[in-house]
Every structure is written in structure tokens, then in C-alpha cells.
Amino acid sequence: MILRWILAFFAALGGFFVGAIAGDLVAKMVGLWFLPGAGFSAALAVVVVTYLAAPNHKFVSASISFIAGAIVAWLLLEPSCFPENYGEKAYQPTHLPIITTYAGGVVGLLIAAALRCWFRPNIAFNSDAPAAHRLI
């Protein structure tokens, strides 16, 4: 079981790098500042990959990765300033990178919650389930 948790950790770490690179590339392709795009997609990827890779307690694991990622993101992204190519806003402080990173994590948790609801075993129609859990 410990090996599966170690593999889940490395999967989430890989999701972070792949998500950050993909977000960076997409943001640059559409002409936006790379930092908010990379943060959004990295946070989204980490939370969803953690949910998918965790051997058990999947949603709790995804929530913990969101909280840990939020702390790390705060340490890395605050304070942030607009880049020099933003005209009169250049070098002014902004919270845009941290806000988009947190938004990516929240979207990841919403996806994890949806996956949890859609793919949870339904015991309502199971004849072996206790009577209180059956619909029939």
C-alpha cells in the first residue's frame, strides 16, 4: 500500500509539471501572461491526478493536495508583479497569478467531486445491501 501512495505522489508531481508546461504553452499561444495560465492548469492537474491516482480516500487526498498546493502557491506567487510588456501596468503588484491558481484547484476539486458522484458504486439496487439502503 505504501508503494501505491508513493506512486500517487509521483503521479501528482508529474501532473504538476505537465500541467504547468501545457498551461504555459497555451497562454503564450493566445498572447497572455504565462504565469496565471500555468498556475491554473498546474493546480487543476495536481488535484485531478491526485484524485485518480490515490489508492483510497481519493477525495480526501485531492482536498489535501489542494490545501498543500495552495500553501506552496502562496509562498511562490505572492507578491507578483505584472510583466514589462503590460504597458502602464508593468511592474505593478497583482494577485492575478494566485487567484487563477486557486481557481484551477477549485475546478479540480469540482471535477473530483463529479467523478466521485458519477463513479461511486450504487448500492441502492444491490439485493445484498441492507434494507435501509435499497430503493425497492
C-alpha atoms as a PDB file:
ATOM      1  CA  MET A   1       0.000   0.000   0.000  1.00  0.00           C
ATOM      2  CA  ILE A   2       2.866   2.393   0.764  1.00  0.00           C
ATOM      3  CA  LEU A   3       4.237   1.836  -2.735  1.00  0.00           C
ATOM      4  CA  ARG A   4       0.880   2.834  -4.236  1.00  0.00           C
ATOM      5  CA  TRP A   5       0.883   6.085  -2.216  1.00  0.00           C
ATOM      6  CA  ILE A   6       4.451   6.810  -3.327  1.00  0.00           C
ATOM      7  CA  LEU A   7       3.430   6.242  -6.935  1.00  0.00           C
ATOM      8  CA  ALA A   8       0.403   8.509  -6.440  1.00  0.00           C
ATOM      9  CA  PHE A   9       2.703  11.246  -5.109  1.00  0.00           C
ATOM     10  CA  PHE A  10       4.968  10.993  -8.157  1.00  0.00           C
ATOM     11  CA  ALA A  11       1.943  10.936 -10.464  1.00  0.00           C
ATOM     12  CA  ALA A  12       0.702  14.187  -8.894  1.00  0.00           C
ATOM     13  CA  LEU A  13       4.187  15.679  -9.198  1.00  0.00           C
ATOM     14  CA  GLY A  14       4.273  14.681 -12.863  1.00  0.00           C
ATOM     15  CA  GLY A  15       0.810  16.168 -13.311  1.00  0.00           C
ATOM     16  CA  PHE A  16       2.123  19.424 -11.875  1.00  0.00           C
ATOM     17  CA  PHE A  17       4.946  19.651 -14.402  1.00  0.00           C
ATOM     18  CA  VAL A  18       2.861  18.561 -17.389  1.00  0.00           C
ATOM     19  CA  GLY A  19       0.009  20.898 -16.384  1.00  0.00           C
ATOM     20  CA  ALA A  20       2.317  23.856 -15.832  1.00  0.00           C
ATOM     21  CA  ILE A  21       4.083  23.363 -19.165  1.00  0.00           C
ATOM     22  CA  ALA A  22       0.795  22.902 -21.033  1.00  0.00           C
ATOM     23  CA  GLY A  23      -0.733  25.989 -19.388  1.00  0.00           C
ATOM     24  CA  ASP A  24       2.385  27.995 -20.167  1.00  0.00           C
ATOM     25  CA  LEU A  25       2.311  26.993 -23.822  1.00  0.00           C
ATOM     26  CA  VAL A  26      -1.401  27.680 -24.249  1.00  0.00           C
ATOM     27  CA  ALA A  27      -1.164  31.074 -22.537  1.00  0.00           C
ATOM     28  CA  LYS A  28       1.755  32.076 -24.745  1.00  0.00           C
ATOM     29  CA  MET A  29      -0.038  30.854 -27.881  1.00  0.00           C
ATOM     30  CA  VAL A  30      -3.037  33.095 -27.200  1.00  0.00           C
ATOM     31  CA  GLY A  31      -0.816  36.013 -26.200  1.00  0.00           C
ATOM     32  CA  LEU A  32      -1.498  36.063 -22.451  1.00  0.00           C
ATOM     33  CA  TRP A  33       0.813  36.223 -19.476  1.00  0.00           C
ATOM     34  CA  PHE A  34       2.128  32.714 -18.882  1.00  0.00           C
ATOM     35  CA  LEU A  35       2.101  32.700 -15.069  1.00  0.00           C
ATOM     36  CA  PRO A  36      -1.686  32.689 -14.475  1.00  0.00           C
ATOM     37  CA  GLY A  37      -2.226  30.088 -17.213  1.00  0.00           C
ATOM     38  CA  ALA A  38       0.496  27.814 -15.903  1.00  0.00           C
ATOM     39  CA  GLY A  39      -0.770  28.161 -12.329  1.00  0.00           C
ATOM     40  CA  PHE A  40      -4.369  27.382 -13.261  1.00  0.00           C
ATOM     41  CA  SER A  41      -3.549  24.279 -15.259  1.00  0.00           C
ATOM     42  CA  ALA A  42      -0.906  23.021 -12.813  1.00  0.00           C
ATOM     43  CA  ALA A  43      -3.305  23.246  -9.869  1.00  0.00           C
ATOM     44  CA  LEU A  44      -6.086  21.624 -11.878  1.00  0.00           C
ATOM     45  CA  ALA A  45      -3.794  18.790 -12.948  1.00  0.00           C
ATOM     46  CA  VAL A  46      -2.424  18.141  -9.457  1.00  0.00           C
ATOM     47  CA  VAL A  47      -5.856  17.894  -7.840  1.00  0.00           C
ATOM     48  CA  VAL A  48      -7.371  15.694 -10.561  1.00  0.00           C
ATOM     49  CA  VAL A  49      -4.321  13.425 -10.861  1.00  0.00           C
ATOM     50  CA  THR A  50      -4.195  13.049  -7.082  1.00  0.00           C
ATOM     51  CA  TYR A  51      -7.847  12.021  -7.101  1.00  0.00           C
ATOM     52  CA  LEU A  52      -7.289   9.498  -9.885  1.00  0.00           C
ATOM     53  CA  ALA A  53      -4.009   8.088  -8.547  1.00  0.00           C
ATOM     54  CA  ALA A  54      -4.814   7.801  -4.837  1.00  0.00           C
ATOM     55  CA  PRO A  55      -5.328   4.156  -3.868  1.00  0.00           C
ATOM     56  CA  ASN A  56      -8.090   5.013  -1.366  1.00  0.00           C
ATOM     57  CA  HIS A  57      -9.649   8.078   0.291  1.00  0.00           C
ATOM     58  CA  LYS A  58      -9.497   9.717  -3.111  1.00  0.00           C
ATOM     59  CA  PHE A  59     -11.460  12.898  -2.448  1.00  0.00           C
ATOM     60  CA  VAL A  60      -9.744  13.496   0.883  1.00  0.00           C
ATOM     61  CA  SER A  61      -6.385  13.067  -0.866  1.00  0.00           C
ATOM     62  CA  ALA A  62      -7.387  15.520  -3.584  1.00  0.00           C
ATOM     63  CA  SER A  63      -8.505  18.011  -0.926  1.00  0.00           C
ATOM     64  CA  ILE A  64      -5.223  17.658   0.944  1.00  0.00           C
ATOM     65  CA  SER A  65      -3.264  18.180  -2.273  1.00  0.00           C
ATOM     66  CA  PHE A  66      -5.351  21.311  -2.921  1.00  0.00           C
ATOM     67  CA  ILE A  67      -4.570  22.707   0.536  1.00  0.00           C
ATOM     68  CA  ALA A  68      -0.863  21.837   0.310  1.00  0.00           C
ATOM     69  CA  GLY A  69      -0.700  23.289  -3.198  1.00  0.00           C
ATOM     70  CA  ALA A  70      -2.441  26.466  -2.054  1.00  0.00           C
ATOM     71  CA  ILE A  71       0.194  26.977   0.637  1.00  0.00           C
ATOM     72  CA  VAL A  72       3.059  26.321  -1.779  1.00  0.00           C
ATOM     73  CA  ALA A  73       1.469  28.585  -4.404  1.00  0.00           C
ATOM     74  CA  TRP A  74       1.132  31.383  -1.876  1.00  0.00           C
ATOM     75  CA  LEU A  75       4.816  31.084  -0.985  1.00  0.00           C
ATOM     76  CA  LEU A  76       5.878  31.042  -4.645  1.00  0.00           C
ATOM     77  CA  LEU A  77       3.480  33.563  -6.200  1.00  0.00           C
ATOM     78  CA  GLU A  78       2.996  36.288  -3.616  1.00  0.00           C
ATOM     79  CA  PRO A  79       3.877  39.031  -4.244  1.00  0.00           C
ATOM     80  CA  SER A  80       3.613  39.042  -8.039  1.00  0.00           C
ATOM     81  CA  CYS A  81       4.003  41.921 -10.438  1.00  0.00           C
ATOM     82  CA  PHE A  82       2.788  42.345 -13.999  1.00  0.00           C
ATOM     83  CA  PRO A  83       5.492  41.685 -16.614  1.00  0.00           C
ATOM     84  CA  GLU A  84       7.148  44.512 -18.524  1.00  0.00           C
ATOM     85  CA  ASN A  85       5.068  44.022 -21.689  1.00  0.00           C
ATOM     86  CA  TYR A  86       1.826  45.067 -19.907  1.00  0.00           C
ATOM     87  CA  GLY A  87       2.320  48.766 -20.666  1.00  0.00           C
ATOM     88  CA  GLU A  88       1.385  51.084 -17.820  1.00  0.00           C
ATOM     89  CA  LYS A  89       0.564  48.117 -15.550  1.00  0.00           C
ATOM     90  CA  ALA A  90       4.135  46.792 -15.873  1.00  0.00           C
ATOM     91  CA  TYR A  91       5.820  46.032 -12.538  1.00  0.00           C
ATOM     92  CA  GLN A  92       2.707  46.880 -10.549  1.00  0.00           C
ATOM     93  CA  PRO A  93       1.665  44.362  -7.893  1.00  0.00           C
ATOM     94  CA  THR A  94      -1.093  41.927  -8.763  1.00  0.00           C
ATOM     95  CA  HIS A  95      -2.833  38.925  -7.250  1.00  0.00           C
ATOM     96  CA  LEU A  96      -3.859  37.518 -10.632  1.00  0.00           C
ATOM     97  CA  PRO A  97      -1.450  34.519 -10.593  1.00  0.00           C
ATOM     98  CA  ILE A  98      -2.533  33.322  -7.137  1.00  0.00           C
ATOM     99  CA  ILE A  99      -6.223  33.852  -7.906  1.00  0.00           C
ATOM    100  CA  THR A 100      -6.049  31.838 -11.126  1.00  0.00           C
ATOM    101  CA  THR A 101      -4.005  29.125  -9.418  1.00  0.00           C
ATOM    102  CA  TYR A 102      -6.592  28.794  -6.660  1.00  0.00           C
ATOM    103  CA  ALA A 103      -9.351  28.797  -9.281  1.00  0.00           C
ATOM    104  CA  GLY A 104      -7.631  25.894 -11.049  1.00  0.00           C
ATOM    105  CA  GLY A 105      -7.521  23.956  -7.786  1.00  0.00           C
ATOM    106  CA  VAL A 106     -11.202  24.638  -7.099  1.00  0.00           C
ATOM    107  CA  VAL A 107     -12.140  23.493 -10.619  1.00  0.00           C
ATOM    108  CA  GLY A 108     -10.045  20.371  -9.987  1.00  0.00           C
ATOM    109  CA  LEU A 109     -11.964  19.690  -6.774  1.00  0.00           C
ATOM    110  CA  LEU A 110     -15.254  20.162  -8.614  1.00  0.00           C
ATOM    111  CA  ILE A 111     -14.128  17.645 -11.246  1.00  0.00           C
ATOM    112  CA  ALA A 112     -13.056  15.234  -8.492  1.00  0.00           C
ATOM    113  CA  ALA A 113     -16.443  15.640  -6.791  1.00  0.00           C
ATOM    114  CA  ALA A 114     -18.233  14.981 -10.072  1.00  0.00           C
ATOM    115  CA  LEU A 115     -16.130  11.872 -10.679  1.00  0.00           C
ATOM    116  CA  ARG A 116     -16.860  10.729  -7.141  1.00  0.00           C
ATOM    117  CA  CYS A 117     -20.610  11.102  -7.677  1.00  0.00           C
ATOM    118  CA  TRP A 118     -20.701   9.533 -11.135  1.00  0.00           C
ATOM    119  CA  PHE A 119     -18.443   6.563 -10.486  1.00  0.00           C
ATOM    120  CA  ARG A 120     -19.309   5.699  -6.903  1.00  0.00           C
ATOM    121  CA  PRO A 121     -20.797   2.217  -6.621  1.00  0.00           C
ATOM    122  CA  ASN A 122     -24.568   2.453  -6.390  1.00  0.00           C
ATOM    123  CA  ILE A 123     -25.788   0.120  -3.651  1.00  0.00           C
ATOM    124  CA  ALA A 124     -29.396   1.280  -3.905  1.00  0.00           C
ATOM    125  CA  PHE A 125     -30.282  -1.532  -6.310  1.00  0.00           C
ATOM    126  CA  ASN A 126     -27.988  -4.154  -4.807  1.00  0.00           C
ATOM    127  CA  SER A 127     -30.028  -7.007  -3.355  1.00  0.00           C
ATOM    128  CA  ASP A 128     -27.236  -7.774  -0.874  1.00  0.00           C
ATOM    129  CA  ALA A 129     -27.380  -4.265   0.571  1.00  0.00           C
ATOM    130  CA  PRO A 130     -29.149  -3.652   3.867  1.00  0.00           C
ATOM    131  CA  ALA A 131     -32.852  -2.836   3.526  1.00  0.00           C
ATOM    132  CA  ALA A 132     -32.293   0.762   4.633  1.00  0.00           C
ATOM    133  CA  HIS A 133     -30.017   1.289   1.601  1.00  0.00           C
ATOM    134  CA  ARG A 134     -32.275  -0.265  -1.043  1.00  0.00           C
ATOM    135  CA  LEU A 135     -34.812   1.663  -3.058  1.00  0.00           C
ATOM    136  CA  ILE A 136     -37.010  -1.335  -3.700  1.00  0.00           C
END
